[in-house]
PDB file of N, CA and C in Angstrom:
ATOM      1  N   UNK A   1    -244.786 136.148 -35.549  1.00  0.00           N
ATOM      2  CA  UNK A   1    -243.967 135.799 -36.784  1.00  0.00           C
ATOM      3  C   UNK A   1    -244.078 136.345 -37.831  1.00  0.00           C
ATOM      4  N   UNK A   2    -243.040 136.722 -38.749  1.00  0.00           N
ATOM      5  CA  UNK A   2    -243.467 137.718 -39.613  1.00  0.00           C
ATOM      6  C   UNK A   2    -243.717 136.982 -40.802  1.00  0.00           C
ATOM      7  N   UNK A   3    -244.463 137.433 -42.065  1.00  0.00           N
ATOM      8  CA  UNK A   3    -244.485 136.960 -43.027  1.00  0.00           C
ATOM      9  C   UNK A   3    -243.447 136.014 -43.818  1.00  0.00           C
ATOM     10  N   UNK A   4    -242.023 136.867 -43.754  1.00  0.00           N
ATOM     11  CA  UNK A   4    -241.080 135.798 -44.338  1.00  0.00           C
ATOM     12  C   UNK A   4    -240.580 134.511 -43.524  1.00  0.00           C
ATOM     13  N   UNK A   5    -240.802 134.855 -42.202  1.00  0.00           N
ATOM     14  CA  UNK A   5    -240.513 133.780 -41.423  1.00  0.00           C
ATOM     15  C   UNK A   5    -241.686 132.531 -41.430  1.00  0.00           C
ATOM     16  N   UNK A   6    -242.597 133.035 -41.888  1.00  0.00           N
ATOM     17  CA  UNK A   6    -243.753 132.049 -41.871  1.00  0.00           C
ATOM     18  C   UNK A   6    -243.823 131.276 -43.296  1.00  0.00           C
ATOM     19  N   UNK A   7    -243.416 131.924 -44.326  1.00  0.00           N
ATOM     20  CA  UNK A   7    -243.184 131.481 -45.381  1.00  0.00           C
ATOM     21  C   UNK A   7    -241.873 130.304 -45.476  1.00  0.00           C
ATOM     22  N   UNK A   8    -240.905 130.851 -45.046  1.00  0.00           N
ATOM     23  CA  UNK A   8    -239.831 129.955 -44.954  1.00  0.00           C
ATOM     24  C   UNK A   8    -240.062 129.034 -44.196  1.00  0.00           C
ATOM     25  N   UNK A   9    -240.866 128.604 -42.894  1.00  0.00           N
ATOM     26  CA  UNK A   9    -241.030 127.541 -42.002  1.00  0.00           C
ATOM     27  C   UNK A   9    -241.886 126.834 -42.908  1.00  0.00           C
ATOM     28  N   UNK A  10    -242.810 127.239 -43.443  1.00  0.00           N
ATOM     29  CA  UNK A  10    -243.796 126.259 -44.476  1.00  0.00           C
ATOM     30  C   UNK A  10    -242.953 125.755 -45.713  1.00  0.00           C
ATOM     31  N   UNK A  11    -242.068 126.416 -46.059  1.00  0.00           N
ATOM     32  CA  UNK A  11    -241.457 125.596 -47.296  1.00  0.00           C
ATOM     33  C   UNK A  11    -240.454 124.860 -46.737  1.00  0.00           C
ATOM     34  N   UNK A  12    -239.803 125.046 -45.755  1.00  0.00           N
ATOM     35  CA  UNK A  12    -239.209 123.934 -45.323  1.00  0.00           C
ATOM     36  C   UNK A  12    -239.843 122.660 -44.439  1.00  0.00           C
ATOM     37  N   UNK A  13    -241.129 122.764 -44.062  1.00  0.00           N
ATOM     38  CA  UNK A  13    -242.221 122.015 -43.387  1.00  0.00           C
ATOM     39  C   UNK A  13    -242.408 121.110 -44.708  1.00  0.00           C
ATOM     40  N   UNK A  14    -242.771 121.415 -46.001  1.00  0.00           N
ATOM     41  CA  UNK A  14    -242.860 121.025 -47.383  1.00  0.00           C
ATOM     42  C   UNK A  14    -241.864 119.816 -47.780  1.00  0.00           C
ATOM     43  N   UNK A  15    -240.748 120.748 -47.617  1.00  0.00           N
ATOM     44  CA  UNK A  15    -239.424 119.890 -47.922  1.00  0.00           C
ATOM     45  C   UNK A  15    -239.323 118.664 -47.136  1.00  0.00           C
ATOM     46  N   UNK A  16    -239.250 118.719 -45.871  1.00  0.00           N
ATOM     47  CA  UNK A  16    -238.831 117.755 -44.898  1.00  0.00           C
ATOM     48  C   UNK A  16    -240.182 116.730 -44.817  1.00  0.00           C
ATOM     49  N   UNK A  17    -241.282 116.969 -45.020  1.00  0.00           N
ATOM     50  CA  UNK A  17    -242.492 116.099 -45.205  1.00  0.00           C
ATOM     51  C   UNK A  17    -242.561 115.066 -46.408  1.00  0.00           C
ATOM     52  N   UNK A  18    -241.696 115.543 -47.518  1.00  0.00           N
ATOM     53  CA  UNK A  18    -241.516 114.686 -48.946  1.00  0.00           C
ATOM     54  C   UNK A  18    -240.410 114.081 -48.492  1.00  0.00           C
ATOM     55  N   UNK A  19    -239.421 114.409 -48.014  1.00  0.00           N
ATOM     56  CA  UNK A  19    -238.417 113.650 -47.607  1.00  0.00           C
ATOM     57  C   UNK A  19    -238.591 112.638 -46.830  1.00  0.00           C
ATOM     58  N   UNK A  20    -239.192 112.713 -45.946  1.00  0.00           N
ATOM     59  CA  UNK A  20    -239.707 112.003 -44.847  1.00  0.00           C
ATOM     60  C   UNK A  20    -240.688 110.861 -45.455  1.00  0.00           C
ATOM     61  N   UNK A  21    -241.437 111.047 -46.145  1.00  0.00           N
ATOM     62  CA  UNK A  21    -242.327 110.337 -47.069  1.00  0.00           C
ATOM     63  C   UNK A  21    -241.584 109.542 -47.692  1.00  0.00           C
ATOM     64  N   UNK A  22    -240.705 109.771 -48.481  1.00  0.00           N
ATOM     65  CA  UNK A  22    -239.596 109.198 -49.148  1.00  0.00           C
ATOM     66  C   UNK A  22    -239.130 108.240 -48.637  1.00  0.00           C
ATOM     67  N   UNK A  23    -238.462 108.406 -47.392  1.00  0.00           N
ATOM     68  CA  UNK A  23    -237.664 107.562 -46.826  1.00  0.00           C
ATOM     69  C   UNK A  23    -238.448 106.339 -46.181  1.00  0.00           C
ATOM     70  N   UNK A  24    -239.685 106.615 -45.606  1.00  0.00           N
ATOM     71  CA  UNK A  24    -240.441 105.731 -45.034  1.00  0.00           C
ATOM     72  C   UNK A  24    -240.868 104.894 -46.111  1.00  0.00           C
ATOM     73  N   UNK A  25    -241.318 105.188 -47.322  1.00  0.00           N
ATOM     74  CA  UNK A  25    -241.676 104.373 -48.376  1.00  0.00           C
ATOM     75  C   UNK A  25    -240.585 103.349 -48.923  1.00  0.00           C
ATOM     76  N   UNK A  26    -239.045 103.929 -48.902  1.00  0.00           N
ATOM     77  CA  UNK A  26    -238.093 103.326 -49.495  1.00  0.00           C
ATOM     78  C   UNK A  26    -237.735 102.209 -48.468  1.00  0.00           C
ATOM     79  N   UNK A  27    -238.076 102.393 -47.184  1.00  0.00           N
ATOM     80  CA  UNK A  27    -238.087 101.511 -46.078  1.00  0.00           C
ATOM     81  C   UNK A  27    -238.727 100.176 -46.081  1.00  0.00           C
ATOM     82  N   UNK A  28    -240.105 100.763 -46.430  1.00  0.00           N
ATOM     83  CA  UNK A  28    -241.148  99.557 -46.760  1.00  0.00           C
ATOM     84  C   UNK A  28    -240.685  98.693 -48.001  1.00  0.00           C
ATOM     85  N   UNK A  29    -240.290  99.502 -48.975  1.00  0.00           N
ATOM     86  CA  UNK A  29    -240.021  98.682 -50.315  1.00  0.00           C
ATOM     87  C   UNK A  29    -238.403  97.740 -49.816  1.00  0.00           C
ATOM     88  N   UNK A  30    -237.690  97.692 -49.140  1.00  0.00           N
ATOM     89  CA  UNK A  30    -236.550  97.093 -48.509  1.00  0.00           C
ATOM     90  C   UNK A  30    -237.051  95.706 -48.311  1.00  0.00           C
ATOM     91  N   UNK A  31    -238.359  95.732 -47.779  1.00  0.00           N
ATOM     92  CA  UNK A  31    -238.752  94.402 -47.277  1.00  0.00           C
ATOM     93  C   UNK A  31    -238.679  93.420 -48.700  1.00  0.00           C
ATOM     94  N   UNK A  32    -238.144  92.162 -48.691  1.00  0.00           N
ATOM     95  CA  UNK A  32    -238.280  91.427 -49.875  1.00  0.00           C
ATOM     96  C   UNK A  32    -239.346  90.790 -49.902  1.00  0.00           C
ATOM     97  N   UNK A  33    -240.137  90.358 -49.040  1.00  0.00           N
ATOM     98  CA  UNK A  33    -241.563  90.043 -49.063  1.00  0.00           C
ATOM     99  C   UNK A  33    -242.577  90.725 -49.257  1.00  0.00           C
ATOM    100  N   UNK A  34    -242.612  92.188 -49.447  1.00  0.00           N
ATOM    101  CA  UNK A  34    -243.735  92.812 -49.931  1.00  0.00           C
ATOM    102  C   UNK A  34    -244.463  92.598 -51.132  1.00  0.00           C
ATOM    103  N   UNK A  35    -245.816  92.433 -51.164  1.00  0.00           N
ATOM    104  CA  UNK A  35    -246.636  92.026 -52.075  1.00  0.00           C
ATOM    105  C   UNK A  35    -246.447  93.001 -53.249  1.00  0.00           C
ATOM    106  N   UNK A  36    -246.626  92.518 -54.570  1.00  0.00           N
ATOM    107  CA  UNK A  36    -246.473  93.099 -55.904  1.00  0.00           C
ATOM    108  C   UNK A  36    -247.238  94.289 -55.593  1.00  0.00           C
ATOM    109  N   UNK A  37    -248.581  94.161 -55.389  1.00  0.00           N
ATOM    110  CA  UNK A  37    -249.450  95.385 -55.409  1.00  0.00           C
ATOM    111  C   UNK A  37    -249.251  96.509 -54.500  1.00  0.00           C
ATOM    112  N   UNK A  38    -248.625  96.283 -53.223  1.00  0.00           N
ATOM    113  CA  UNK A  38    -248.074  97.017 -52.379  1.00  0.00           C
ATOM    114  C   UNK A  38    -247.057  97.696 -53.030  1.00  0.00           C
ATOM    115  N   UNK A  39    -246.121  96.846 -53.399  1.00  0.00           N
ATOM    116  CA  UNK A  39    -244.998  97.383 -53.881  1.00  0.00           C
ATOM    117  C   UNK A  39    -245.164  98.436 -54.979  1.00  0.00           C
ATOM    118  N   UNK A  40    -246.346  98.341 -55.749  1.00  0.00           N
ATOM    119  CA  UNK A  40    -246.584  99.312 -57.092  1.00  0.00           C
ATOM    120  C   UNK A  40    -247.126 100.393 -56.068  1.00  0.00           C
ATOM    121  N   UNK A  41    -247.879 100.330 -55.202  1.00  0.00           N
ATOM    122  CA  UNK A  41    -248.329 101.327 -54.423  1.00  0.00           C
ATOM    123  C   UNK A  41    -247.437 102.289 -53.871  1.00  0.00           C
ATOM    124  N   UNK A  42    -246.518 101.637 -53.043  1.00  0.00           N
ATOM    125  CA  UNK A  42    -245.336 102.578 -52.755  1.00  0.00           C
ATOM    126  C   UNK A  42    -244.397 103.081 -53.996  1.00  0.00           C
ATOM    127  N   UNK A  43    -244.288 102.447 -54.878  1.00  0.00           N
ATOM    128  CA  UNK A  43    -243.507 103.129 -55.931  1.00  0.00           C
ATOM    129  C   UNK A  43    -244.084 104.363 -56.643  1.00  0.00           C
ATOM    130  N   UNK A  44    -245.405 104.083 -56.494  1.00  0.00           N
ATOM    131  CA  UNK A  44    -246.007 105.444 -57.051  1.00  0.00           C
ATOM    132  C   UNK A  44    -245.712 106.343 -55.950  1.00  0.00           C
ATOM    133  N   UNK A  45    -246.184 106.113 -54.839  1.00  0.00           N
ATOM    134  CA  UNK A  45    -245.967 107.249 -54.053  1.00  0.00           C
ATOM    135  C   UNK A  45    -244.712 107.999 -53.865  1.00  0.00           C
ATOM    136  N   UNK A  46    -243.288 107.361 -54.075  1.00  0.00           N
ATOM    137  CA  UNK A  46    -242.265 107.564 -53.908  1.00  0.00           C
ATOM    138  C   UNK A  46    -242.017 108.526 -55.309  1.00  0.00           C
ATOM    139  N   UNK A  47    -242.671 108.319 -56.564  1.00  0.00           N
ATOM    140  CA  UNK A  47    -242.725 108.807 -57.787  1.00  0.00           C
ATOM    141  C   UNK A  47    -243.301 110.520 -57.266  1.00  0.00           C
ATOM    142  N   UNK A  48    -244.390 110.340 -56.649  1.00  0.00           N
ATOM    143  CA  UNK A  48    -245.362 111.367 -56.494  1.00  0.00           C
ATOM    144  C   UNK A  48    -244.421 112.276 -55.579  1.00  0.00           C
ATOM    145  N   UNK A  49    -244.108 111.806 -54.499  1.00  0.00           N
ATOM    146  CA  UNK A  49    -243.436 112.438 -53.409  1.00  0.00           C
ATOM    147  C   UNK A  49    -242.313 112.999 -53.805  1.00  0.00           C
ATOM    148  N   UNK A  50    -241.478 112.413 -54.953  1.00  0.00           N
ATOM    149  CA  UNK A  50    -240.146 113.094 -55.380  1.00  0.00           C
ATOM    150  C   UNK A  50    -240.515 114.480 -56.446  1.00  0.00           C
ATOM    151  N   UNK A  51    -241.547 114.187 -57.004  1.00  0.00           N
ATOM    152  CA  UNK A  51    -241.903 115.303 -57.935  1.00  0.00           C
ATOM    153  C   UNK A  51    -242.351 116.587 -56.726  1.00  0.00           C
ATOM    154  N   UNK A  52    -242.926 116.164 -55.837  1.00  0.00           N
ATOM    155  CA  UNK A  52    -243.316 117.186 -55.057  1.00  0.00           C
ATOM    156  C   UNK A  52    -242.285 117.928 -54.306  1.00  0.00           C
ATOM    157  N   UNK A  53    -241.240 117.083 -53.657  1.00  0.00           N
ATOM    158  CA  UNK A  53    -240.037 117.594 -53.519  1.00  0.00           C
ATOM    159  C   UNK A  53    -239.089 118.395 -54.365  1.00  0.00           C
ATOM    160  N   UNK A  54    -239.094 117.784 -55.502  1.00  0.00           N
ATOM    161  CA  UNK A  54    -238.595 118.608 -56.361  1.00  0.00           C
ATOM    162  C   UNK A  54    -239.352 119.942 -56.529  1.00  0.00           C
ATOM    163  N   UNK A  55    -240.515 120.322 -56.830  1.00  0.00           N
ATOM    164  CA  UNK A  55    -240.989 121.347 -56.967  1.00  0.00           C
ATOM    165  C   UNK A  55    -241.064 122.370 -55.766  1.00  0.00           C
ATOM    166  N   UNK A  56    -241.135 121.695 -54.460  1.00  0.00           N
ATOM    167  CA  UNK A  56    -240.807 122.431 -53.100  1.00  0.00           C
ATOM    168  C   UNK A  56    -239.366 123.049 -53.001  1.00  0.00           C
ATOM    169  N   UNK A  57    -238.346 122.227 -53.500  1.00  0.00           N
ATOM    170  CA  UNK A  57    -236.963 122.574 -53.416  1.00  0.00           C
ATOM    171  C   UNK A  57    -237.020 123.804 -54.305  1.00  0.00           C
ATOM    172  N   UNK A  58    -237.520 123.743 -55.520  1.00  0.00           N
ATOM    173  CA  UNK A  58    -237.262 124.770 -56.373  1.00  0.00           C
ATOM    174  C   UNK A  58    -238.048 125.824 -55.995  1.00  0.00           C
ATOM    175  N   UNK A  59    -239.196 126.103 -55.656  1.00  0.00           N
ATOM    176  CA  UNK A  59    -239.633 126.846 -54.846  1.00  0.00           C
ATOM    177  C   UNK A  59    -238.738 127.768 -53.678  1.00  0.00           C
ATOM    178  N   UNK A  60    -238.222 127.050 -52.795  1.00  0.00           N
ATOM    179  CA  UNK A  60    -237.627 127.523 -51.531  1.00  0.00           C
ATOM    180  C   UNK A  60    -236.449 128.012 -52.090  1.00  0.00           C
ATOM    181  N   UNK A  61    -235.454 127.671 -53.128  1.00  0.00           N
ATOM    182  CA  UNK A  61    -234.617 128.404 -53.519  1.00  0.00           C
ATOM    183  C   UNK A  61    -234.887 129.315 -54.351  1.00  0.00           C
ATOM    184  N   UNK A  62    -235.664 129.611 -55.203  1.00  0.00           N
ATOM    185  CA  UNK A  62    -236.089 130.808 -55.553  1.00  0.00           C
ATOM    186  C   UNK A  62    -236.642 131.883 -54.593  1.00  0.00           C
ATOM    187  N   UNK A  63    -237.301 131.477 -53.564  1.00  0.00           N
ATOM    188  CA  UNK A  63    -237.804 132.390 -52.684  1.00  0.00           C
ATOM    189  C   UNK A  63    -236.340 132.994 -52.075  1.00  0.00           C
ATOM    190  N   UNK A  64    -235.365 131.964 -51.862  1.00  0.00           N
ATOM    191  CA  UNK A  64    -234.377 132.530 -51.073  1.00  0.00           C
ATOM    192  C   UNK A  64    -233.402 133.307 -51.942  1.00  0.00           C
ATOM    193  N   UNK A  65    -233.726 133.174 -53.167  1.00  0.00           N
ATOM    194  CA  UNK A  65    -232.838 134.120 -53.989  1.00  0.00           C
ATOM    195  C   UNK A  65    -233.313 135.353 -54.276  1.00  0.00           C
ATOM    196  N   UNK A  66    -234.364 135.772 -53.680  1.00  0.00           N
ATOM    197  CA  UNK A  66    -234.899 137.109 -53.902  1.00  0.00           C
ATOM    198  C   UNK A  66    -234.643 137.964 -52.525  1.00  0.00           C
TER     199      UNK A  66
END
């Protein structure tokens, strides 16, 4: 695999990993019986993964534009 394909694969993997983490946390947060401390942890995870997703998507778009 050439370096461009490797870079594209790694970038897409990052984006998909973040999306998957956000979806998983959101599914857990939909449980009305989740304890407040766990809710706070999963909300923090969603915020962190959202930031990571934004940065990964920006990097991917920049790379694709070149």
